[in-house]
Amino acid sequence: QVQLVESGGGAVQAGGSLRLTCTASGGAFYSYATGWFRQAPGKEREFVVGINWSGERTYYADSVQGRFTVSRDNAKSTVYLQMNSLKSEDTAIYYCATRPSYPSRTAADYSNWGQGTQVTVSS
């Protein structure tokens, strides 16, 4: 079982940047696909980005395409989410999650989740 911890959230002005980190321990992280999801108050959990085990294939929600970049360093058991040109609508708790095969855009397809990190973007 892989344990996941997100970090790097905080408060930023619109147009600014943050880099979120998902750090794993306790398992073969290199073999898992990873997704980032976010959830704002009163809204459903929303797919943000996905990355396969090697980092060679990435997937982005339309809402973040061109602004966010996902990458991974399996030697460090870490997945990164670089968030640029942030907008107020990006405000949410951001979660990383893993699954044993290919990335999915559906939250229910993931069974292993971190605790989340808060991102707040002010206009």
N, C-alpha and C. Protein backbone atom coordinates (compact mmCIF):
# COMPACT_ATOMS: atom_id res chain seq x y z
N GLN A 1 0.84 -1.18 0.00
CA GLN A 1 0.00 0.00 0.00
C GLN A 1 0.88 1.24 0.00
N VAL A 2 0.59 2.15 -0.92
CA VAL A 2 1.33 3.39 -1.03
C VAL A 2 0.59 4.48 -0.24
N GLN A 3 1.32 5.16 0.63
CA GLN A 3 0.77 6.31 1.35
C GLN A 3 1.15 7.59 0.62
N LEU A 4 0.19 8.48 0.44
CA LEU A 4 0.37 9.69 -0.34
C LEU A 4 0.18 10.92 0.53
N VAL A 5 1.06 11.90 0.35
CA VAL A 5 0.96 13.17 1.06
C VAL A 5 1.13 14.30 0.07
N GLU A 6 0.13 15.19 -0.01
CA GLU A 6 0.22 16.37 -0.86
C GLU A 6 0.80 17.54 -0.07
N SER A 7 1.51 18.40 -0.77
CA SER A 7 2.03 19.62 -0.16
C SER A 7 2.17 20.68 -1.23
N GLY A 8 2.43 21.91 -0.82
CA GLY A 8 2.68 22.99 -1.74
C GLY A 8 1.51 23.93 -1.96
N GLY A 9 0.37 23.65 -1.36
CA GLY A 9 -0.76 24.54 -1.50
C GLY A 9 -0.55 25.82 -0.73
N GLY A 10 -1.44 26.76 -0.95
CA GLY A 10 -1.37 28.04 -0.27
C GLY A 10 -2.26 29.05 -0.94
N ALA A 11 -2.06 30.31 -0.60
CA ALA A 11 -2.83 31.42 -1.15
C ALA A 11 -1.99 32.18 -2.17
N VAL A 12 -2.59 32.52 -3.29
CA VAL A 12 -1.88 33.20 -4.36
C VAL A 12 -2.85 34.13 -5.08
N GLN A 13 -2.31 35.20 -5.65
CA GLN A 13 -3.10 36.10 -6.47
C GLN A 13 -3.39 35.49 -7.83
N ALA A 14 -4.51 35.86 -8.42
CA ALA A 14 -4.81 35.43 -9.78
C ALA A 14 -3.66 35.77 -10.72
N GLY A 15 -3.33 34.83 -11.58
CA GLY A 15 -2.20 34.98 -12.48
C GLY A 15 -0.90 34.42 -11.93
N GLY A 16 -0.88 34.07 -10.67
CA GLY A 16 0.31 33.54 -10.04
C GLY A 16 0.46 32.04 -10.25
N SER A 17 1.46 31.47 -9.58
CA SER A 17 1.80 30.06 -9.76
C SER A 17 2.01 29.37 -8.42
N LEU A 18 1.76 28.08 -8.43
CA LEU A 18 2.08 27.20 -7.32
C LEU A 18 2.56 25.88 -7.88
N ARG A 19 3.38 25.18 -7.13
CA ARG A 19 3.76 23.82 -7.48
C ARG A 19 3.35 22.88 -6.36
N LEU A 20 2.45 21.98 -6.67
CA LEU A 20 2.02 20.97 -5.73
C LEU A 20 2.88 19.73 -5.86
N THR A 21 3.09 19.07 -4.74
CA THR A 21 3.89 17.86 -4.70
C THR A 21 3.09 16.74 -4.06
N CYS A 22 3.14 15.58 -4.67
CA CYS A 22 2.56 14.36 -4.11
C CYS A 22 3.70 13.40 -3.83
N THR A 23 3.96 13.15 -2.57
CA THR A 23 5.06 12.29 -2.17
C THR A 23 4.52 10.97 -1.64
N ALA A 24 5.10 9.89 -2.11
CA ALA A 24 4.62 8.56 -1.77
C ALA A 24 5.64 7.81 -0.92
N SER A 25 5.13 6.92 -0.10
CA SER A 25 5.97 6.05 0.70
C SER A 25 5.27 4.71 0.89
N GLY A 26 6.06 3.68 1.16
CA GLY A 26 5.50 2.40 1.55
C GLY A 26 5.13 1.45 0.44
N GLY A 27 5.48 1.75 -0.80
CA GLY A 27 5.13 0.86 -1.89
C GLY A 27 5.91 1.17 -3.15
N ALA A 28 5.63 0.39 -4.18
CA ALA A 28 6.28 0.55 -5.48
C ALA A 28 5.58 1.63 -6.28
N PHE A 29 5.86 2.88 -5.93
CA PHE A 29 5.19 4.01 -6.54
C PHE A 29 5.40 4.06 -8.05
N TYR A 30 6.53 3.60 -8.51
CA TYR A 30 6.84 3.67 -9.93
C TYR A 30 5.86 2.90 -10.79
N SER A 31 5.16 1.92 -10.22
CA SER A 31 4.27 1.08 -10.99
C SER A 31 2.85 1.62 -11.08
N TYR A 32 2.56 2.73 -10.45
CA TYR A 32 1.20 3.25 -10.37
C TYR A 32 1.01 4.47 -11.25
N ALA A 33 -0.16 4.51 -11.89
CA ALA A 33 -0.62 5.74 -12.51
C ALA A 33 -1.13 6.69 -11.43
N THR A 34 -1.02 7.98 -11.67
CA THR A 34 -1.39 8.98 -10.68
C THR A 34 -2.32 10.01 -11.28
N GLY A 35 -3.31 10.40 -10.52
CA GLY A 35 -4.21 11.47 -10.91
C GLY A 35 -4.23 12.57 -9.88
N TRP A 36 -4.49 13.77 -10.34
CA TRP A 36 -4.78 14.91 -9.47
C TRP A 36 -6.24 15.28 -9.65
N PHE A 37 -6.93 15.46 -8.54
CA PHE A 37 -8.32 15.89 -8.54
C PHE A 37 -8.45 17.09 -7.61
N ARG A 38 -9.53 17.84 -7.78
CA ARG A 38 -9.78 18.97 -6.89
C ARG A 38 -11.26 19.02 -6.54
N GLN A 39 -11.54 19.60 -5.39
CA GLN A 39 -12.91 19.73 -4.94
C GLN A 39 -13.09 21.08 -4.25
N ALA A 40 -13.99 21.87 -4.79
CA ALA A 40 -14.36 23.15 -4.22
C ALA A 40 -15.62 22.99 -3.39
N PRO A 41 -15.86 23.90 -2.43
CA PRO A 41 -17.08 23.80 -1.61
C PRO A 41 -18.34 23.75 -2.46
N GLY A 42 -19.20 22.78 -2.17
CA GLY A 42 -20.45 22.66 -2.88
C GLY A 42 -20.36 22.04 -4.26
N LYS A 43 -19.18 21.57 -4.66
CA LYS A 43 -19.00 21.00 -5.98
C LYS A 43 -18.50 19.55 -5.89
N GLU A 44 -18.68 18.83 -6.98
CA GLU A 44 -18.18 17.46 -7.07
C GLU A 44 -16.67 17.46 -7.23
N ARG A 45 -16.05 16.36 -6.84
CA ARG A 45 -14.63 16.20 -7.07
C ARG A 45 -14.36 16.12 -8.57
N GLU A 46 -13.40 16.89 -9.03
CA GLU A 46 -13.17 17.12 -10.45
C GLU A 46 -11.78 16.66 -10.86
N PHE A 47 -11.72 15.96 -11.98
CA PHE A 47 -10.44 15.56 -12.55
C PHE A 47 -9.64 16.77 -13.00
N VAL A 48 -8.35 16.76 -12.71
CA VAL A 48 -7.45 17.84 -13.13
C VAL A 48 -6.44 17.32 -14.15
N VAL A 49 -5.60 16.39 -13.74
CA VAL A 49 -4.57 15.83 -14.62
C VAL A 49 -4.32 14.38 -14.24
N GLY A 50 -3.77 13.62 -15.19
CA GLY A 50 -3.35 12.26 -14.94
C GLY A 50 -2.01 12.00 -15.60
N ILE A 51 -1.27 11.04 -15.06
CA ILE A 51 0.04 10.70 -15.59
C ILE A 51 0.26 9.20 -15.42
N ASN A 52 0.82 8.56 -16.44
CA ASN A 52 1.04 7.13 -16.33
C ASN A 52 2.29 6.84 -15.51
N TRP A 53 2.58 5.56 -15.35
CA TRP A 53 3.65 5.17 -14.42
C TRP A 53 5.01 5.72 -14.78
N SER A 54 5.28 5.86 -16.08
CA SER A 54 6.59 6.30 -16.53
C SER A 54 6.69 7.81 -16.71
N GLY A 55 5.55 8.50 -16.74
CA GLY A 55 5.53 9.91 -17.03
C GLY A 55 5.46 10.24 -18.50
N GLU A 56 5.44 9.23 -19.36
CA GLU A 56 5.43 9.46 -20.80
C GLU A 56 4.08 9.87 -21.35
N ARG A 57 3.02 9.57 -20.63
CA ARG A 57 1.68 9.93 -21.08
C ARG A 57 1.00 10.77 -20.02
N THR A 58 0.47 11.90 -20.44
CA THR A 58 -0.22 12.81 -19.53
C THR A 58 -1.57 13.19 -20.12
N TYR A 59 -2.48 13.57 -19.23
CA TYR A 59 -3.85 13.89 -19.62
C TYR A 59 -4.30 15.08 -18.80
N TYR A 60 -5.01 16.00 -19.45
CA TYR A 60 -5.39 17.25 -18.80
C TYR A 60 -6.87 17.53 -19.00
N ALA A 61 -7.51 18.01 -17.96
CA ALA A 61 -8.85 18.54 -18.11
C ALA A 61 -8.80 19.79 -18.98
N ASP A 62 -9.86 20.01 -19.75
CA ASP A 62 -9.91 21.18 -20.62
C ASP A 62 -9.71 22.48 -19.84
N SER A 63 -10.20 22.52 -18.62
CA SER A 63 -10.15 23.74 -17.83
C SER A 63 -8.74 24.14 -17.42
N VAL A 64 -7.78 23.20 -17.46
CA VAL A 64 -6.41 23.51 -17.04
C VAL A 64 -5.41 23.33 -18.17
N GLN A 65 -5.85 22.88 -19.32
CA GLN A 65 -4.95 22.67 -20.46
C GLN A 65 -4.21 23.96 -20.79
N GLY A 66 -2.90 23.86 -20.91
CA GLY A 66 -2.08 25.01 -21.22
C GLY A 66 -1.63 25.81 -20.03
N ARG A 67 -2.20 25.54 -18.86
CA ARG A 67 -1.83 26.26 -17.65
C ARG A 67 -1.13 25.36 -16.63
N PHE A 68 -1.55 24.11 -16.54
CA PHE A 68 -0.99 23.17 -15.56
C PHE A 68 -0.11 22.15 -16.28
N THR A 69 0.92 21.67 -15.59
CA THR A 69 1.80 20.64 -16.12
C THR A 69 2.07 19.60 -15.03
N VAL A 70 1.86 18.34 -15.36
CA VAL A 70 2.12 17.26 -14.42
C VAL A 70 3.39 16.52 -14.84
N SER A 71 4.18 16.11 -13.87
CA SER A 71 5.39 15.36 -14.13
C SER A 71 5.66 14.45 -12.93
N ARG A 72 6.58 13.51 -13.11
CA ARG A 72 6.90 12.64 -11.99
C ARG A 72 8.38 12.29 -11.98
N ASP A 73 8.87 11.99 -10.80
CA ASP A 73 10.24 11.53 -10.60
C ASP A 73 10.14 10.29 -9.73
N ASN A 74 10.16 9.14 -10.37
CA ASN A 74 9.97 7.89 -9.63
C ASN A 74 11.13 7.60 -8.68
N ALA A 75 12.32 8.08 -9.00
CA ALA A 75 13.45 7.90 -8.10
C ALA A 75 13.21 8.60 -6.76
N LYS A 76 12.41 9.67 -6.78
CA LYS A 76 12.07 10.40 -5.57
C LYS A 76 10.66 10.09 -5.07
N SER A 77 9.99 9.15 -5.73
CA SER A 77 8.62 8.77 -5.37
C SER A 77 7.71 10.00 -5.29
N THR A 78 7.80 10.84 -6.30
CA THR A 78 7.12 12.13 -6.26
C THR A 78 6.46 12.45 -7.60
N VAL A 79 5.26 13.01 -7.53
CA VAL A 79 4.57 13.57 -8.68
C VAL A 79 4.36 15.06 -8.42
N TYR A 80 4.60 15.86 -9.44
CA TYR A 80 4.48 17.31 -9.32
C TYR A 80 3.32 17.82 -10.17
N LEU A 81 2.69 18.87 -9.69
CA LEU A 81 1.69 19.58 -10.47
C LEU A 81 2.07 21.06 -10.47
N GLN A 82 2.61 21.51 -11.59
CA GLN A 82 2.95 22.92 -11.75
C GLN A 82 1.71 23.65 -12.23
N MET A 83 1.30 24.64 -11.49
CA MET A 83 0.06 25.37 -11.75
C MET A 83 0.41 26.82 -12.05
N ASN A 84 0.22 27.23 -13.29
CA ASN A 84 0.51 28.59 -13.72
C ASN A 84 -0.77 29.31 -14.12
N SER A 85 -0.69 30.62 -14.22
CA SER A 85 -1.83 31.44 -14.63
C SER A 85 -3.08 31.09 -13.84
N LEU A 86 -2.94 31.01 -12.54
CA LEU A 86 -4.04 30.57 -11.69
C LEU A 86 -5.20 31.56 -11.73
N LYS A 87 -6.40 30.99 -11.66
CA LYS A 87 -7.64 31.75 -11.67
C LYS A 87 -8.40 31.49 -10.38
N SER A 88 -9.32 32.39 -10.06
CA SER A 88 -10.10 32.22 -8.84
C SER A 88 -10.87 30.90 -8.85
N GLU A 89 -11.30 30.44 -10.02
CA GLU A 89 -12.04 29.20 -10.10
C GLU A 89 -11.17 27.96 -9.88
N ASP A 90 -9.85 28.14 -9.76
CA ASP A 90 -8.97 27.04 -9.40
C ASP A 90 -8.95 26.79 -7.90
N THR A 91 -9.58 27.65 -7.13
CA THR A 91 -9.62 27.49 -5.68
C THR A 91 -10.32 26.18 -5.31
N ALA A 92 -9.63 25.34 -4.56
CA ALA A 92 -10.17 24.03 -4.20
C ALA A 92 -9.16 23.33 -3.30
N ILE A 93 -9.58 22.21 -2.75
CA ILE A 93 -8.64 21.28 -2.15
C ILE A 93 -8.18 20.34 -3.26
N TYR A 94 -6.88 20.18 -3.38
CA TYR A 94 -6.29 19.34 -4.42
C TYR A 94 -5.80 18.04 -3.81
N TYR A 95 -6.17 16.94 -4.45
CA TYR A 95 -5.82 15.60 -3.99
C TYR A 95 -5.03 14.86 -5.06
N CYS A 96 -4.05 14.08 -4.65
CA CYS A 96 -3.45 13.12 -5.56
C CYS A 96 -3.96 11.73 -5.20
N ALA A 97 -3.96 10.86 -6.20
CA ALA A 97 -4.47 9.52 -6.03
C ALA A 97 -3.76 8.59 -6.99
N THR A 98 -3.71 7.31 -6.65
CA THR A 98 -3.06 6.33 -7.50
C THR A 98 -4.00 5.17 -7.80
N ARG A 99 -3.71 4.51 -8.90
CA ARG A 99 -4.38 3.27 -9.27
C ARG A 99 -3.37 2.39 -9.98
N PRO A 100 -3.60 1.09 -10.05
CA PRO A 100 -2.54 0.17 -10.49
C PRO A 100 -2.34 0.04 -11.98
N SER A 101 -3.12 0.74 -12.80
CA SER A 101 -2.97 0.60 -14.24
C SER A 101 -2.83 1.97 -14.89
N TYR A 102 -3.68 2.25 -15.88
CA TYR A 102 -3.60 3.49 -16.62
C TYR A 102 -4.37 4.59 -15.90
N PRO A 103 -4.07 5.85 -16.19
CA PRO A 103 -4.81 6.94 -15.55
C PRO A 103 -6.27 6.96 -15.96
N SER A 104 -7.10 7.45 -15.08
CA SER A 104 -8.52 7.59 -15.32
C SER A 104 -8.94 9.01 -14.99
N ARG A 105 -9.99 9.48 -15.67
CA ARG A 105 -10.57 10.79 -15.38
C ARG A 105 -11.69 10.70 -14.34
N THR A 106 -11.96 9.50 -13.86
CA THR A 106 -13.06 9.28 -12.93
C THR A 106 -12.51 9.03 -11.53
N ALA A 107 -12.94 9.83 -10.57
CA ALA A 107 -12.42 9.71 -9.21
C ALA A 107 -12.68 8.34 -8.61
N ALA A 108 -13.83 7.75 -8.92
CA ALA A 108 -14.19 6.46 -8.35
C ALA A 108 -13.25 5.34 -8.80
N ASP A 109 -12.49 5.55 -9.85
CA ASP A 109 -11.56 4.53 -10.31
C ASP A 109 -10.29 4.47 -9.48
N TYR A 110 -10.10 5.43 -8.60
CA TYR A 110 -8.93 5.48 -7.73
C TYR A 110 -9.33 5.06 -6.32
N SER A 111 -8.50 4.25 -5.70
CA SER A 111 -8.79 3.78 -4.35
C SER A 111 -7.79 4.26 -3.31
N ASN A 112 -6.70 4.85 -3.73
CA ASN A 112 -5.65 5.30 -2.82
C ASN A 112 -5.49 6.81 -2.96
N TRP A 113 -5.77 7.55 -1.89
CA TRP A 113 -5.81 9.00 -1.92
C TRP A 113 -4.96 9.63 -0.82
N GLY A 114 -4.43 10.80 -1.13
CA GLY A 114 -3.81 11.62 -0.10
C GLY A 114 -4.85 12.42 0.66
N GLN A 115 -4.38 13.24 1.59
CA GLN A 115 -5.28 13.99 2.46
C GLN A 115 -5.72 15.33 1.87
N GLY A 116 -5.05 15.78 0.83
CA GLY A 116 -5.40 17.02 0.17
C GLY A 116 -4.58 18.20 0.64
N THR A 117 -4.45 19.20 -0.22
CA THR A 117 -3.81 20.45 0.12
C THR A 117 -4.63 21.60 -0.46
N GLN A 118 -4.82 22.65 0.34
CA GLN A 118 -5.70 23.74 -0.04
C GLN A 118 -4.99 24.72 -0.96
N VAL A 119 -5.66 25.08 -2.06
CA VAL A 119 -5.21 26.13 -2.96
C VAL A 119 -6.27 27.21 -2.99
N THR A 120 -5.87 28.44 -2.68
CA THR A 120 -6.80 29.56 -2.68
C THR A 120 -6.25 30.64 -3.60
N VAL A 121 -7.03 31.02 -4.60
CA VAL A 121 -6.63 32.02 -5.58
C VAL A 121 -7.56 33.22 -5.46
N SER A 122 -7.00 34.38 -5.19
CA SER A 122 -7.80 35.59 -5.03
C SER A 122 -7.69 36.46 -6.27
N SER A 123 -8.78 37.14 -6.59
CA SER A 123 -8.83 38.00 -7.77
C SER A 123 -8.17 39.34 -7.50
